Protein backbone atom coordinates (compact mmCIF):
# COMPACT_ATOMS: atom_id res chain seq x y z
CA MET A 1 -0.06 0.00 0.04
CA PRO A 2 1.27 3.58 -0.70
CA TYR A 3 2.46 5.64 2.20
CA ALA A 4 -0.40 7.97 3.48
CA TRP A 5 1.18 11.36 3.05
CA PRO A 6 -0.19 14.23 5.25
CA PRO A 7 -1.90 17.12 3.49
CA LEU A 8 0.48 19.61 2.00
CA VAL A 9 0.90 22.82 4.00
CA PRO A 10 2.53 25.94 2.65
CA GLY A 11 6.12 26.45 3.61
CA ASP A 12 9.73 26.68 2.31
CA PRO A 13 10.03 26.03 -1.42
CA ASP A 14 12.89 23.52 -1.03
CA GLU A 15 10.99 21.53 1.55
CA ILE A 16 7.83 21.49 -0.51
CA ALA A 17 9.78 20.46 -3.62
CA ARG A 18 11.33 17.54 -1.70
CA ARG A 19 7.89 16.46 -0.47
CA VAL A 20 6.27 16.55 -3.97
CA ALA A 21 9.25 14.73 -5.41
CA ALA A 22 9.14 12.07 -2.70
CA VAL A 23 5.39 11.46 -3.20
CA LEU A 24 5.65 11.06 -6.96
CA ASP A 25 8.81 9.02 -6.70
CA GLU A 26 6.97 6.66 -4.27
CA ALA A 27 4.20 6.24 -6.77
CA TRP A 28 6.59 5.68 -9.64
CA LYS A 29 8.51 3.07 -7.65
CA ARG A 30 5.25 1.24 -7.19
CA LEU A 31 5.08 1.22 -11.00
CA ALA A 32 8.56 -0.22 -11.18
CA ASP A 33 7.67 -2.95 -8.57
CA GLY A 34 4.64 -3.84 -10.59
CA GLN A 35 6.62 -4.14 -13.72
CA ARG A 36 9.12 -6.45 -11.98
CA ALA A 37 6.34 -8.66 -10.76
CA ALA A 38 4.74 -8.99 -14.19
CA ILE A 39 8.18 -9.80 -15.78
CA ILE A 40 8.94 -12.38 -13.04
CA ALA A 41 5.71 -14.01 -13.75
CA LEU A 42 6.51 -14.09 -17.53
CA ALA A 43 10.07 -15.37 -16.85
CA GLY A 44 8.83 -18.10 -14.60
CA ASN A 45 6.64 -19.45 -17.38
CA ALA A 46 3.57 -18.75 -15.17
CA ARG A 47 0.16 -19.54 -16.38
CA ARG A 48 -1.57 -16.93 -18.49
CA PRO A 49 -4.16 -15.98 -15.76
CA HIS A 50 -1.38 -15.32 -13.23
CA VAL A 51 0.48 -13.11 -15.72
CA LEU A 52 -2.62 -11.22 -16.48
CA ALA A 53 -3.35 -10.74 -12.73
CA ALA A 54 0.18 -9.29 -12.23
CA LEU A 55 -0.52 -6.91 -15.15
CA GLU A 56 -3.73 -5.77 -13.60
CA GLU A 57 -1.88 -4.84 -10.49
CA PHE A 58 0.50 -2.82 -12.70
CA LYS A 59 -2.43 -1.17 -14.38
CA GLN A 60 -3.72 -0.16 -10.88
CA ALA A 61 -0.27 1.32 -10.12
CA ILE A 62 -0.54 3.50 -13.36
CA ARG A 63 -3.84 4.78 -12.03
CA GLU A 64 -2.35 5.48 -8.63
CA PHE A 65 0.56 7.38 -10.24
CA ARG A 66 -1.97 9.50 -12.11
CA ARG A 67 -3.93 10.14 -9.01
CA ARG A 68 -0.83 11.18 -7.07
CA VAL A 69 0.31 13.58 -9.81
CA ASP A 70 -3.16 15.17 -9.95
CA GLU A 71 -3.43 15.31 -6.10
CA GLU A 72 -0.06 16.88 -5.52
CA ALA A 73 -0.41 19.30 -8.47
CA GLN A 74 -3.81 20.50 -7.16
CA SER A 75 -2.47 20.89 -3.61
CA PHE A 76 0.63 22.77 -4.90
CA VAL A 77 -1.33 25.27 -6.97
CA GLN A 78 -4.14 25.74 -4.46
CA ILE A 79 -1.92 26.04 -1.33
CA GLN A 80 1.76 26.74 -1.99
CA LEU A 81 1.48 29.04 -5.00
CA PRO A 82 -0.75 31.54 -3.29
CA HIS A 83 1.53 31.47 -0.24
CA LEU A 84 4.58 32.20 -2.38
CA TYR A 85 2.89 34.80 -4.52
CA ALA A 86 1.74 36.65 -1.45
CA ASN A 87 5.30 36.46 0.05
CA GLY A 88 6.72 38.09 -3.06
CA ALA A 89 4.07 40.75 -3.15
CA GLN A 90 4.41 41.57 0.57
CA ALA A 91 8.19 41.88 0.21
CA ALA A 92 7.70 44.33 -2.57
CA ALA A 93 5.05 46.26 -0.56
CA ASP A 94 7.40 46.49 2.38
CA THR A 95 10.14 47.95 0.16
CA LEU A 96 7.72 50.46 -1.43
CA GLY A 97 5.97 51.37 1.91
CA THR A 98 2.62 50.19 0.56
CA SER A 99 0.29 47.41 1.48
CA PHE A 100 -0.55 44.22 -0.30
CA THR A 101 -4.07 43.15 -0.76
CA TRP A 102 -5.57 40.56 -3.18
CA SER A 103 -6.69 43.15 -5.62
CA MET A 104 -7.95 42.21 -9.15
CA ILE A 105 -4.42 42.23 -10.68
CA HIS A 106 -3.12 39.79 -8.14
CA ARG A 107 -6.11 37.44 -8.35
CA ASP A 108 -5.97 37.36 -12.11
CA ALA A 109 -2.26 36.78 -12.09
CA LEU A 110 -2.51 33.96 -9.58
CA GLN A 111 -5.36 32.34 -11.49
CA ALA A 112 -3.34 32.29 -14.62
CA LEU A 113 -0.23 31.03 -12.88
CA ALA A 114 -2.08 28.26 -11.17
CA ALA A 115 -3.71 27.04 -14.38
CA ASP A 116 -0.39 27.16 -16.18
CA SER A 117 1.39 25.32 -13.29
CA TYR A 118 -1.19 22.63 -13.04
CA ALA A 119 -1.20 22.02 -16.76
CA ASP A 120 2.61 21.85 -16.76
CA PHE A 121 2.66 19.18 -14.05
CA LEU A 122 0.21 17.08 -16.07
CA ARG A 123 2.29 17.56 -19.28
CA ARG A 124 5.36 16.40 -17.50
CA SER A 125 3.71 13.32 -16.09
CA GLU A 126 2.27 12.32 -19.40
CA GLU A 127 5.62 11.10 -20.73
CA ALA A 128 6.01 8.96 -17.49
CA GLU A 129 2.52 7.52 -17.92
CA ARG A 130 3.00 6.95 -21.59
CA MET A 131 6.05 4.80 -20.97
CA ALA A 132 4.27 2.81 -18.35
CA SER A 133 1.17 2.28 -20.49
CA LYS A 134 3.36 1.20 -23.41
CA PHE A 135 4.83 -1.65 -21.23
CA TYR A 136 1.43 -2.68 -20.04
CA ARG A 137 0.10 -3.00 -23.55
CA ALA A 138 3.25 -4.83 -24.77
CA ALA A 139 3.17 -7.22 -21.77
CA ARG A 140 -0.58 -7.89 -22.06
CA ASP A 141 -0.20 -8.71 -25.83
CA THR A 142 2.71 -11.01 -24.97
CA ALA A 143 0.64 -12.76 -22.32
CA ARG A 144 -2.36 -13.27 -24.62
CA ARG A 145 -0.55 -14.14 -27.90
CA GLU A 146 2.89 -15.53 -27.04
CA VAL A 147 2.63 -17.26 -23.59
CA PRO A 148 0.23 -19.88 -24.85
CA LEU A 149 2.68 -20.75 -27.65
CA LEU A 150 5.83 -21.06 -25.59
CA THR A 151 6.14 -24.86 -26.03
CA THR A 152 5.76 -24.78 -29.87
CA GLY A 153 9.31 -23.69 -30.70
CA ASN A 154 12.63 -25.54 -30.50
CA MET A 155 13.57 -23.96 -27.13
CA THR A 156 12.25 -25.22 -23.85
CA ALA A 157 9.24 -23.45 -22.42
CA LYS A 158 11.39 -22.05 -19.60
CA GLN A 159 14.06 -20.60 -21.88
CA ALA A 160 11.40 -19.14 -24.18
CA ALA A 161 9.67 -17.51 -21.20
CA LYS A 162 12.89 -15.98 -20.06
CA ASN A 163 13.68 -14.61 -23.53
CA LEU A 164 10.25 -12.94 -23.61
CA ALA A 165 10.79 -11.41 -20.24
CA ASP A 166 14.27 -10.22 -21.17
CA ARG A 167 12.95 -8.54 -24.26
CA LEU A 168 10.28 -6.71 -22.31
CA THR A 169 12.83 -5.60 -19.72
CA ALA A 170 15.27 -4.25 -22.37
CA GLU A 171 12.47 -2.47 -24.36
CA HIS A 172 10.60 -0.96 -21.45
CA GLN A 173 12.95 0.25 -18.72
CA LEU A 174 11.30 2.28 -16.08
CA ALA A 175 14.35 3.44 -14.27
CA TYR A 176 13.85 6.94 -15.64
CA VAL A 177 11.57 8.80 -17.93
CA VAL A 178 12.71 9.15 -21.56
CA TYR A 179 11.23 12.35 -23.10
CA ARG A 180 10.58 12.79 -26.75
CA ASN A 181 13.74 14.97 -27.01
CA GLY A 182 15.78 11.89 -25.79
CA ALA A 183 16.32 13.38 -22.26
CA ARG A 184 16.46 10.70 -19.52
CA ILE A 185 15.20 12.06 -16.16
CA PRO A 186 14.18 10.28 -13.00
CA VAL A 187 10.67 11.07 -11.73
CA ARG A 188 12.06 12.52 -8.55
CA ALA A 189 14.28 14.89 -10.41
CA TRP A 190 11.67 16.34 -12.70
CA ALA A 191 9.03 16.65 -9.95
CA GLU A 192 11.50 18.60 -7.76
CA ALA A 193 12.69 20.80 -10.60
CA ALA A 194 9.17 21.58 -11.69
CA THR A 195 8.05 22.49 -8.22
CA LEU A 196 11.12 24.77 -7.58
CA THR A 197 10.61 26.45 -11.00
CA LYS A 198 6.91 27.28 -10.32
CA SER A 199 7.68 28.38 -6.81
CA ALA A 200 10.33 30.93 -8.02
CA VAL A 201 7.94 32.11 -10.77
CA ALA A 202 5.08 32.59 -8.30
CA TYR A 203 7.21 34.57 -5.83
CA ASN A 204 8.56 36.85 -8.50
CA ALA A 205 5.16 37.37 -10.13
CA GLY A 206 3.93 38.70 -6.72
CA THR A 207 6.94 41.02 -6.58
CA LEU A 208 6.56 42.37 -10.05
CA ASN A 209 2.74 42.83 -9.89
CA GLN A 210 2.95 44.62 -6.62
CA ALA A 211 5.62 46.95 -8.22
CA ARG A 212 3.42 47.38 -11.31
CA GLU A 213 0.34 48.23 -9.17
CA ALA A 214 2.35 50.85 -7.31
CA GLY A 215 3.43 52.45 -10.64
CA VAL A 216 7.09 51.32 -10.38
CA GLY A 217 8.56 50.36 -13.82
CA ILE A 218 12.15 49.41 -12.85
CA VAL A 219 13.45 46.59 -10.84
CA GLU A 220 16.90 45.44 -9.70
CA VAL A 221 17.86 41.94 -10.26
CA PHE A 222 19.28 39.68 -7.58
CA ASP A 223 20.82 36.56 -9.03
CA GLY A 224 23.91 34.37 -9.05
CA PHE A 225 26.82 36.25 -10.54
CA ASP A 226 27.33 33.64 -13.21
CA CYS A 227 23.72 33.39 -14.24
CA GLY A 228 22.75 34.89 -17.62
CA TRP A 229 19.54 36.75 -18.23
CA THR A 230 17.76 34.27 -20.60
CA SER A 231 19.77 31.12 -19.68
CA HIS A 232 22.60 30.27 -17.37
CA GLN A 233 25.10 30.51 -20.26
CA ASP A 234 23.67 33.89 -21.61
CA PRO A 235 26.63 36.32 -21.66
CA ASP A 236 24.07 39.06 -20.58
CA LYS A 237 24.59 38.56 -16.83
CA ALA A 238 21.65 39.35 -14.67
CA ALA A 239 22.93 39.96 -11.22
CA ARG A 240 22.62 43.66 -10.03
CA THR A 241 21.31 44.80 -13.39
CA LEU A 242 18.25 47.04 -13.80
CA ARG A 243 15.33 45.86 -15.90
CA THR A 244 11.84 47.02 -16.67
CA VAL A 245 9.03 45.26 -15.01
CA GLU A 246 7.95 43.99 -18.34
CA GLU A 247 11.40 42.53 -19.11
CA ALA A 248 11.49 40.94 -15.66
CA ALA A 249 7.99 39.40 -16.15
CA GLU A 250 9.25 37.87 -19.44
CA TRP A 251 12.21 36.30 -17.74
CA PRO A 252 11.29 35.72 -14.07
CA ILE A 253 13.87 32.89 -14.00
CA SER A 254 16.44 31.76 -16.54
CA HIS A 255 16.79 28.01 -15.80
CA PRO A 256 15.42 25.24 -13.49
CA ARG A 257 16.27 25.78 -9.87
CA CYS A 258 17.03 29.47 -10.62
CA ARG A 259 17.24 31.67 -7.49
CA ARG A 260 16.46 34.95 -9.27
CA ALA A 261 14.52 37.63 -7.34
CA PHE A 262 13.68 41.32 -8.03
CA GLY A 263 13.73 44.43 -6.01
CA PRO A 264 11.48 47.40 -6.93
CA ARG A 265 13.37 50.69 -7.63
CA PRO A 266 10.83 53.48 -7.21
CA ASP A 267 13.73 56.01 -7.47
CA LEU A 268 14.12 55.14 -11.24
CA ILE A 269 11.93 56.01 -14.18
CA PRO A 270 12.10 53.80 -17.33
CA SER A 271 13.60 55.62 -20.29
CA GLY A 272 10.92 57.15 -22.54
CA SER A 273 8.41 57.43 -19.71
CA ALA A 274 6.68 60.72 -19.22
CA LEU A 275 7.40 62.47 -15.92
């Protein structure tokens, strides 16, 4: 049975990212365990009903993984994102000597951010689920078509069953998710990176919208000294530079796990602005 995780509560982005990653990693490991059970059944030349029963357990694990992703994504966007957005907005308000309230600009921004973050979680998990479902279909077809014929060839039934199991193992590895661009990423890694990315974007969106609401058009960038503006390798270094609020909103971070933040500069006026 999966571990009963307590409800998510808002908190430190790193801690929340570790929690989300651990929950999804646990669900993915259940998938891997289910795959091993089905392959062991095949390799042992088990009867077809036994193999199909093991595959049904694997199918249930796919559903559990989908449920876990949906549950964690919803909790994250409904609980953690508003917390971080408000923190960023409040930090800007403190700098500007104003107050933060959930005005229309903030409510609309958070709603858009939540919808985008939720959809992104689901898109990321689709590749993982696609791989698992592909194995399920291949193993099911093997059980239905090839297992009953194991004794018809020149090899012993035991060797034939092992060959089938080895083939499925080689063709459907679940140690990591292989994305369409060829990247191989463990579920824990992509879950943690996705959570940290959305956390940073939420905090910075709060900061920038609070600055915009106060009529401030320039922000100072706080970032690692080696971090580029549009990517880590961008020669346009971000740290301690001045950017417009619009520029900052376009590049709230430059890469996964980015620690970029912004400070409103009410003492500066964007070039071309009317006094």
